[in-house]
N, C-alpha and C. Protein backbone atom coordinates (compact mmCIF):
# COMPACT_ATOMS: atom_id res chain seq x y z
N MET A 1 0.84 -1.18 0.00
CA MET A 1 0.00 0.00 0.00
C MET A 1 0.89 1.24 0.00
N LEU A 2 0.48 2.26 -0.75
CA LEU A 2 1.19 3.52 -0.81
C LEU A 2 0.41 4.59 -0.06
N THR A 3 1.10 5.35 0.79
CA THR A 3 0.49 6.44 1.53
C THR A 3 1.27 7.71 1.23
N GLU A 4 0.57 8.75 0.69
CA GLU A 4 1.26 10.00 0.40
C GLU A 4 1.71 10.65 1.70
N VAL A 5 2.98 11.06 1.72
CA VAL A 5 3.57 11.60 2.94
C VAL A 5 3.86 13.10 2.82
N PHE A 6 4.53 13.51 1.77
CA PHE A 6 4.85 14.92 1.58
C PHE A 6 5.25 15.16 0.14
N SER A 7 5.48 16.42 -0.19
CA SER A 7 5.93 16.79 -1.53
C SER A 7 7.23 17.57 -1.42
N LEU A 8 8.04 17.44 -2.46
CA LEU A 8 9.29 18.17 -2.54
C LEU A 8 9.30 18.99 -3.82
N ALA A 9 9.68 20.25 -3.71
CA ALA A 9 9.93 21.10 -4.87
C ALA A 9 11.42 21.41 -4.81
N VAL A 10 12.21 20.66 -5.57
CA VAL A 10 13.67 20.72 -5.51
C VAL A 10 14.18 21.69 -6.58
N ASP A 11 14.80 22.78 -6.13
CA ASP A 11 15.39 23.76 -7.05
C ASP A 11 16.70 23.20 -7.59
N VAL A 12 16.87 23.27 -8.91
CA VAL A 12 18.08 22.74 -9.52
C VAL A 12 18.76 23.78 -10.39
N GLY A 13 20.08 23.67 -10.48
CA GLY A 13 20.88 24.57 -11.30
C GLY A 13 21.12 23.98 -12.68
N VAL A 14 22.04 24.58 -13.38
CA VAL A 14 22.39 24.17 -14.74
C VAL A 14 23.18 22.87 -14.69
N PRO A 15 22.77 21.85 -15.46
CA PRO A 15 23.53 20.59 -15.49
C PRO A 15 24.95 20.82 -15.97
N GLN A 16 25.89 20.14 -15.32
CA GLN A 16 27.29 20.20 -15.71
C GLN A 16 27.67 18.86 -16.33
N SER A 17 28.00 18.85 -17.60
CA SER A 17 28.35 17.61 -18.29
C SER A 17 29.78 17.20 -17.94
N ILE A 18 29.94 15.94 -17.62
CA ILE A 18 31.26 15.38 -17.34
C ILE A 18 31.83 14.78 -18.61
N GLY A 19 30.95 14.47 -19.57
CA GLY A 19 31.36 13.90 -20.84
C GLY A 19 30.64 12.59 -21.12
N ARG A 20 30.94 12.02 -22.27
CA ARG A 20 30.33 10.75 -22.70
C ARG A 20 31.30 9.60 -22.52
N ASP A 21 30.72 8.47 -22.12
CA ASP A 21 31.47 7.22 -22.14
C ASP A 21 30.55 6.17 -22.77
N ALA A 22 30.90 4.91 -22.66
CA ALA A 22 30.11 3.85 -23.29
C ALA A 22 28.69 3.78 -22.74
N SER A 23 28.47 4.25 -21.51
CA SER A 23 27.14 4.22 -20.89
C SER A 23 26.25 5.37 -21.32
N GLY A 24 26.85 6.48 -21.77
CA GLY A 24 26.08 7.65 -22.15
C GLY A 24 26.73 8.91 -21.62
N GLU A 25 25.97 10.00 -21.63
CA GLU A 25 26.49 11.27 -21.11
C GLU A 25 26.33 11.29 -19.59
N ARG A 26 27.41 11.58 -18.92
CA ARG A 26 27.39 11.69 -17.46
C ARG A 26 27.36 13.17 -17.11
N ARG A 27 26.48 13.51 -16.18
CA ARG A 27 26.39 14.91 -15.77
C ARG A 27 25.97 15.01 -14.32
N CYS A 28 26.19 16.20 -13.78
CA CYS A 28 25.85 16.50 -12.40
C CYS A 28 24.95 17.74 -12.40
N VAL A 29 23.79 17.61 -11.75
CA VAL A 29 22.85 18.72 -11.65
C VAL A 29 22.87 19.21 -10.20
N PRO A 30 23.34 20.44 -9.96
CA PRO A 30 23.38 20.95 -8.58
C PRO A 30 21.98 21.17 -8.02
N ILE A 31 21.82 20.84 -6.75
CA ILE A 31 20.58 21.11 -6.03
C ILE A 31 20.82 22.36 -5.20
N THR A 32 20.02 23.40 -5.45
CA THR A 32 20.30 24.73 -4.90
C THR A 32 19.35 25.15 -3.80
N GLY A 33 18.33 24.35 -3.50
CA GLY A 33 17.36 24.70 -2.47
C GLY A 33 16.04 24.04 -2.77
N GLY A 34 14.98 24.59 -2.16
CA GLY A 34 13.65 24.08 -2.42
C GLY A 34 12.79 24.05 -1.17
N LYS A 35 11.66 23.38 -1.31
CA LYS A 35 10.63 23.41 -0.27
C LYS A 35 10.07 22.01 -0.02
N VAL A 36 9.77 21.74 1.26
CA VAL A 36 9.10 20.51 1.70
C VAL A 36 7.71 20.92 2.18
N SER A 37 6.68 20.21 1.72
CA SER A 37 5.32 20.54 2.16
C SER A 37 4.52 19.25 2.35
N GLY A 38 3.49 19.34 3.19
CA GLY A 38 2.65 18.18 3.48
C GLY A 38 2.77 17.79 4.94
N LYS A 39 2.87 16.49 5.22
CA LYS A 39 3.01 16.00 6.60
C LYS A 39 4.26 16.56 7.26
N LEU A 40 5.29 16.80 6.47
CA LEU A 40 6.51 17.47 6.92
C LEU A 40 6.60 18.80 6.18
N THR A 41 7.13 19.82 6.84
CA THR A 41 7.35 21.10 6.20
C THR A 41 8.77 21.57 6.48
N GLY A 42 9.32 22.28 5.52
CA GLY A 42 10.67 22.78 5.71
C GLY A 42 11.29 23.18 4.40
N MET A 43 12.61 23.13 4.35
CA MET A 43 13.34 23.56 3.17
C MET A 43 14.35 22.50 2.76
N ILE A 44 14.73 22.59 1.50
CA ILE A 44 15.80 21.75 0.97
C ILE A 44 17.06 22.61 0.97
N LEU A 45 18.09 22.09 1.59
CA LEU A 45 19.34 22.85 1.69
C LEU A 45 20.12 22.78 0.38
N SER A 46 20.82 23.85 0.06
CA SER A 46 21.69 23.83 -1.12
C SER A 46 22.90 22.96 -0.82
N GLY A 47 23.54 22.48 -1.86
CA GLY A 47 24.75 21.69 -1.68
C GLY A 47 24.61 20.25 -2.13
N GLY A 48 23.40 19.79 -2.39
CA GLY A 48 23.22 18.44 -2.89
C GLY A 48 23.39 18.40 -4.39
N ALA A 49 23.26 17.21 -4.97
CA ALA A 49 23.41 17.06 -6.42
C ALA A 49 22.69 15.81 -6.89
N ASP A 50 22.33 15.85 -8.17
CA ASP A 50 21.75 14.70 -8.86
C ASP A 50 22.76 14.27 -9.93
N TRP A 51 23.39 13.12 -9.71
CA TRP A 51 24.36 12.57 -10.66
C TRP A 51 23.58 11.72 -11.64
N GLN A 52 23.69 12.04 -12.92
CA GLN A 52 22.86 11.41 -13.94
C GLN A 52 23.71 10.78 -15.03
N THR A 53 23.15 9.72 -15.62
CA THR A 53 23.68 9.15 -16.86
C THR A 53 22.56 9.16 -17.87
N LEU A 54 22.75 9.88 -18.96
CA LEU A 54 21.77 9.94 -20.05
C LEU A 54 22.19 8.89 -21.08
N ARG A 55 21.51 7.76 -21.05
CA ARG A 55 21.90 6.62 -21.89
C ARG A 55 21.49 6.82 -23.34
N PRO A 56 22.17 6.14 -24.26
CA PRO A 56 21.84 6.28 -25.69
C PRO A 56 20.40 5.89 -26.03
N ASP A 57 19.77 5.02 -25.24
CA ASP A 57 18.39 4.61 -25.52
C ASP A 57 17.36 5.61 -25.00
N GLY A 58 17.83 6.74 -24.42
CA GLY A 58 16.92 7.77 -23.93
C GLY A 58 16.63 7.71 -22.45
N LEU A 59 17.02 6.64 -21.78
CA LEU A 59 16.78 6.50 -20.35
C LEU A 59 17.76 7.38 -19.57
N ALA A 60 17.24 8.14 -18.61
CA ALA A 60 18.07 8.92 -17.69
C ALA A 60 18.11 8.20 -16.35
N ASP A 61 19.31 7.73 -15.96
CA ASP A 61 19.51 7.15 -14.63
C ASP A 61 19.78 8.31 -13.68
N LEU A 62 19.06 8.36 -12.56
CA LEU A 62 19.13 9.47 -11.62
C LEU A 62 19.62 8.98 -10.26
N ASP A 63 20.53 9.71 -9.65
CA ASP A 63 21.07 9.35 -8.34
C ASP A 63 21.32 10.65 -7.56
N ALA A 64 20.34 11.05 -6.76
CA ALA A 64 20.41 12.34 -6.06
C ALA A 64 20.63 12.13 -4.56
N ARG A 65 21.42 13.04 -3.98
CA ARG A 65 21.62 13.08 -2.53
C ARG A 65 21.57 14.54 -2.10
N TYR A 66 20.76 14.78 -1.05
CA TYR A 66 20.61 16.15 -0.56
C TYR A 66 20.03 16.12 0.85
N MET A 67 19.88 17.30 1.45
CA MET A 67 19.43 17.41 2.83
C MET A 67 18.17 18.26 2.95
N LEU A 68 17.30 17.84 3.86
CA LEU A 68 16.12 18.62 4.23
C LEU A 68 16.37 19.23 5.60
N LYS A 69 15.88 20.42 5.82
CA LYS A 69 15.88 21.07 7.15
C LYS A 69 14.42 21.35 7.46
N LEU A 70 13.87 20.61 8.42
CA LEU A 70 12.45 20.75 8.73
C LEU A 70 12.19 21.97 9.60
N ASP A 71 11.01 22.53 9.45
CA ASP A 71 10.61 23.67 10.27
C ASP A 71 10.54 23.27 11.73
N ALA A 72 10.77 24.23 12.61
CA ALA A 72 10.72 23.97 14.05
C ALA A 72 9.35 23.48 14.49
N ASN A 73 8.29 23.96 13.84
CA ASN A 73 6.93 23.56 14.23
C ASN A 73 6.43 22.35 13.43
N SER A 74 7.28 21.78 12.58
CA SER A 74 6.92 20.59 11.81
C SER A 74 7.16 19.34 12.64
N LEU A 75 6.56 18.24 12.22
CA LEU A 75 6.92 16.95 12.77
C LEU A 75 8.42 16.80 12.59
N GLY A 76 9.12 16.41 13.62
CA GLY A 76 10.58 16.33 13.56
C GLY A 76 11.25 17.55 14.15
N GLY A 77 10.46 18.61 14.42
CA GLY A 77 10.92 19.79 15.14
C GLY A 77 12.29 20.32 14.79
N GLY A 78 12.52 20.72 13.55
CA GLY A 78 13.79 21.33 13.16
C GLY A 78 14.87 20.35 12.78
N ALA A 79 14.54 19.08 12.68
CA ALA A 79 15.54 18.06 12.35
C ALA A 79 16.06 18.22 10.93
N GLN A 80 17.24 17.69 10.70
CA GLN A 80 17.78 17.57 9.36
C GLN A 80 17.60 16.13 8.91
N VAL A 81 17.32 15.97 7.63
CA VAL A 81 17.05 14.65 7.06
C VAL A 81 17.87 14.49 5.79
N GLU A 82 18.63 13.41 5.72
CA GLU A 82 19.37 13.09 4.50
C GLU A 82 18.46 12.33 3.55
N VAL A 83 18.51 12.71 2.27
CA VAL A 83 17.71 12.06 1.23
C VAL A 83 18.64 11.37 0.25
N TRP A 84 18.32 10.11 -0.06
CA TRP A 84 19.01 9.39 -1.13
C TRP A 84 17.94 8.89 -2.07
N SER A 85 18.01 9.32 -3.30
CA SER A 85 16.96 9.06 -4.28
C SER A 85 17.57 8.48 -5.55
N ARG A 86 17.21 7.22 -5.88
CA ARG A 86 17.69 6.57 -7.11
C ARG A 86 16.51 6.31 -8.00
N GLY A 87 16.56 6.78 -9.23
CA GLY A 87 15.41 6.60 -10.09
C GLY A 87 15.73 6.67 -11.56
N LEU A 88 14.66 6.88 -12.35
CA LEU A 88 14.82 6.96 -13.79
C LEU A 88 13.76 7.84 -14.39
N ARG A 89 14.11 8.33 -15.59
CA ARG A 89 13.17 9.13 -16.38
C ARG A 89 13.29 8.67 -17.82
N ILE A 90 12.14 8.39 -18.46
CA ILE A 90 12.13 7.91 -19.85
C ILE A 90 10.85 8.37 -20.53
N GLY A 91 10.95 8.62 -21.80
CA GLY A 91 9.79 9.01 -22.59
C GLY A 91 10.15 9.03 -24.05
N PRO A 92 9.21 9.37 -24.90
CA PRO A 92 9.49 9.47 -26.33
C PRO A 92 10.63 10.47 -26.57
N ALA A 93 11.42 10.22 -27.61
CA ALA A 93 12.60 11.05 -27.91
C ALA A 93 12.27 12.53 -27.98
N GLU A 94 11.13 12.88 -28.61
CA GLU A 94 10.80 14.31 -28.74
C GLU A 94 10.46 14.94 -27.39
N VAL A 95 9.87 14.17 -26.49
CA VAL A 95 9.56 14.67 -25.15
C VAL A 95 10.84 14.86 -24.35
N MET A 96 11.74 13.89 -24.43
CA MET A 96 13.00 14.00 -23.70
C MET A 96 13.84 15.16 -24.24
N ALA A 97 13.77 15.42 -25.54
CA ALA A 97 14.49 16.55 -26.13
C ALA A 97 13.94 17.87 -25.60
N LYS A 98 12.61 17.96 -25.46
CA LYS A 98 12.01 19.18 -24.90
C LYS A 98 12.47 19.40 -23.46
N LEU A 99 12.48 18.34 -22.66
CA LEU A 99 12.95 18.45 -21.27
C LEU A 99 14.41 18.91 -21.25
N ALA A 100 15.23 18.34 -22.14
CA ALA A 100 16.65 18.72 -22.19
C ALA A 100 16.83 20.19 -22.56
N ARG A 101 15.91 20.74 -23.34
CA ARG A 101 15.99 22.17 -23.72
C ARG A 101 15.40 23.08 -22.65
N GLY A 102 14.86 22.49 -21.57
CA GLY A 102 14.29 23.29 -20.49
C GLY A 102 12.86 23.71 -20.75
N GLU A 103 12.18 23.02 -21.65
CA GLU A 103 10.78 23.34 -21.94
C GLU A 103 9.85 22.62 -20.96
N ARG A 104 8.68 23.21 -20.73
CA ARG A 104 7.65 22.55 -19.92
C ARG A 104 7.03 21.43 -20.71
N VAL A 105 6.84 20.29 -20.06
CA VAL A 105 6.23 19.12 -20.68
C VAL A 105 5.22 18.54 -19.71
N ASP A 106 4.07 18.14 -20.22
CA ASP A 106 3.05 17.48 -19.39
C ASP A 106 3.68 16.23 -18.79
N PRO A 107 3.66 16.07 -17.45
CA PRO A 107 4.31 14.92 -16.82
C PRO A 107 3.70 13.57 -17.22
N SER A 108 2.49 13.57 -17.78
CA SER A 108 1.91 12.30 -18.23
C SER A 108 2.56 11.84 -19.55
N ALA A 109 3.40 12.69 -20.17
CA ALA A 109 4.04 12.35 -21.43
C ALA A 109 5.33 11.55 -21.24
N TYR A 110 5.79 11.41 -20.00
CA TYR A 110 7.01 10.65 -19.72
C TYR A 110 6.87 9.98 -18.36
N TYR A 111 7.79 9.08 -18.06
CA TYR A 111 7.78 8.30 -16.82
C TYR A 111 8.97 8.74 -15.98
N MET A 112 8.70 9.17 -14.74
CA MET A 112 9.77 9.56 -13.82
C MET A 112 9.41 9.06 -12.43
N ARG A 113 10.17 8.08 -11.97
CA ARG A 113 9.94 7.48 -10.66
C ARG A 113 11.28 7.31 -9.95
N THR A 114 11.23 7.33 -8.62
CA THR A 114 12.45 7.20 -7.85
C THR A 114 12.18 6.43 -6.56
N ALA A 115 13.13 5.60 -6.17
CA ALA A 115 13.10 4.91 -4.87
C ALA A 115 13.88 5.78 -3.90
N MET A 116 13.27 6.07 -2.75
CA MET A 116 13.86 7.03 -1.82
C MET A 116 14.10 6.42 -0.46
N ARG A 117 15.27 6.75 0.11
CA ARG A 117 15.61 6.37 1.48
C ARG A 117 15.95 7.65 2.24
N PHE A 118 15.67 7.63 3.53
CA PHE A 118 15.91 8.79 4.39
C PHE A 118 16.72 8.37 5.61
N GLU A 119 17.56 9.28 6.09
CA GLU A 119 18.32 9.07 7.33
C GLU A 119 18.18 10.32 8.18
N THR A 120 17.94 10.12 9.46
CA THR A 120 17.88 11.22 10.42
C THR A 120 18.08 10.66 11.82
N ALA A 121 18.57 11.48 12.71
CA ALA A 121 18.74 11.09 14.11
C ALA A 121 17.49 11.39 14.93
N ALA A 122 16.52 12.11 14.36
CA ALA A 122 15.32 12.52 15.11
C ALA A 122 14.49 11.29 15.49
N PRO A 123 14.26 11.08 16.79
CA PRO A 123 13.52 9.89 17.24
C PRO A 123 12.11 9.80 16.65
N ASP A 124 11.42 10.93 16.51
CA ASP A 124 10.03 10.88 16.01
C ASP A 124 9.94 10.81 14.49
N LEU A 125 11.10 10.68 13.81
CA LEU A 125 11.08 10.52 12.36
C LEU A 125 11.66 9.17 11.93
N GLN A 126 11.81 8.25 12.86
CA GLN A 126 12.38 6.95 12.50
C GLN A 126 11.47 6.17 11.55
N TRP A 127 10.20 6.51 11.50
CA TRP A 127 9.31 5.88 10.52
C TRP A 127 9.77 6.18 9.09
N LEU A 128 10.44 7.33 8.90
CA LEU A 128 11.02 7.65 7.58
C LEU A 128 12.19 6.71 7.27
N VAL A 129 13.01 6.46 8.26
CA VAL A 129 14.21 5.63 8.10
C VAL A 129 13.81 4.18 7.85
N HIS A 130 12.74 3.73 8.48
CA HIS A 130 12.35 2.32 8.47
C HIS A 130 11.42 1.94 7.33
N ARG A 131 11.21 2.80 6.38
CA ARG A 131 10.34 2.51 5.23
C ARG A 131 11.04 2.93 3.94
N LEU A 132 10.75 2.18 2.90
CA LEU A 132 11.14 2.60 1.57
C LEU A 132 10.05 3.55 1.08
N HIS A 133 10.45 4.57 0.35
CA HIS A 133 9.50 5.54 -0.19
C HIS A 133 9.65 5.60 -1.71
N VAL A 134 8.59 5.97 -2.38
CA VAL A 134 8.58 6.10 -3.83
C VAL A 134 8.22 7.54 -4.16
N GLY A 135 8.97 8.13 -5.07
CA GLY A 135 8.68 9.48 -5.53
C GLY A 135 8.16 9.45 -6.95
N LEU A 136 7.02 10.10 -7.18
CA LEU A 136 6.48 10.30 -8.52
C LEU A 136 6.91 11.68 -8.95
N GLY A 137 7.67 11.76 -10.04
CA GLY A 137 8.35 12.99 -10.37
C GLY A 137 7.89 13.70 -11.61
N GLU A 138 8.25 14.98 -11.62
CA GLU A 138 8.01 15.87 -12.76
C GLU A 138 9.19 16.81 -12.85
N ARG A 139 9.70 17.02 -14.07
CA ARG A 139 10.81 17.95 -14.29
C ARG A 139 10.27 19.22 -14.91
N THR A 140 10.49 20.35 -14.26
CA THR A 140 10.15 21.65 -14.84
C THR A 140 11.47 22.32 -15.22
N PRO A 141 11.43 23.48 -15.86
CA PRO A 141 12.69 24.10 -16.28
C PRO A 141 13.70 24.31 -15.14
N ASP A 142 13.25 24.61 -13.92
CA ASP A 142 14.21 24.88 -12.84
C ASP A 142 13.93 24.10 -11.56
N GLN A 143 13.08 23.09 -11.63
CA GLN A 143 12.76 22.29 -10.43
C GLN A 143 12.50 20.84 -10.81
N VAL A 144 12.65 20.00 -9.79
CA VAL A 144 12.13 18.64 -9.83
C VAL A 144 11.04 18.59 -8.76
N LEU A 145 9.84 18.21 -9.16
CA LEU A 145 8.72 18.11 -8.25
C LEU A 145 8.47 16.64 -7.96
N LEU A 146 8.43 16.29 -6.67
CA LEU A 146 8.23 14.89 -6.28
C LEU A 146 7.10 14.79 -5.27
N LYS A 147 6.17 13.90 -5.53
CA LYS A 147 5.18 13.48 -4.54
C LYS A 147 5.74 12.21 -3.93
N VAL A 148 5.93 12.23 -2.61
CA VAL A 148 6.60 11.14 -1.92
C VAL A 148 5.58 10.28 -1.19
N PHE A 149 5.65 8.96 -1.45
CA PHE A 149 4.73 8.00 -0.86
C PHE A 149 5.50 6.97 -0.06
N ALA A 150 5.01 6.64 1.14
CA ALA A 150 5.59 5.55 1.93
C ALA A 150 5.04 4.23 1.38
N VAL A 151 5.91 3.22 1.31
CA VAL A 151 5.52 1.89 0.88
C VAL A 151 5.35 1.06 2.14
N ASP A 152 4.11 0.71 2.44
CA ASP A 152 3.83 -0.10 3.65
C ASP A 152 3.81 -1.57 3.33
């Protein structure tokens, strides 16, 4: 069973290409901030990154790590939470080209999902640590939007 827990609006910078190898183009997308809303509220701290491989078949392998800082009045009371998100994005070539150019695309035109793990020392947030979460994603020109669901 999936239970919606919160949403993330992850602000991202300009992708930095590392170059191509046999697997595809490797790049790093800086995470510059963002917002947490829903059951948890707070902000996404700058300094994280999404390490990506854009494969020749159009599949984007995604591997993001970043930190959340929860609001003092949120569940978790000001705790910091580490996020590890491994996922993929795939769609028709013309849709993926539009995303690469920074154009808005209807999220139903492509598939973007991620498996998410969380780490925190906050005792009242151990339910985050003890569950796998799934993120349903959307890429906008300057953000990644994720609806995060706990997998029970």
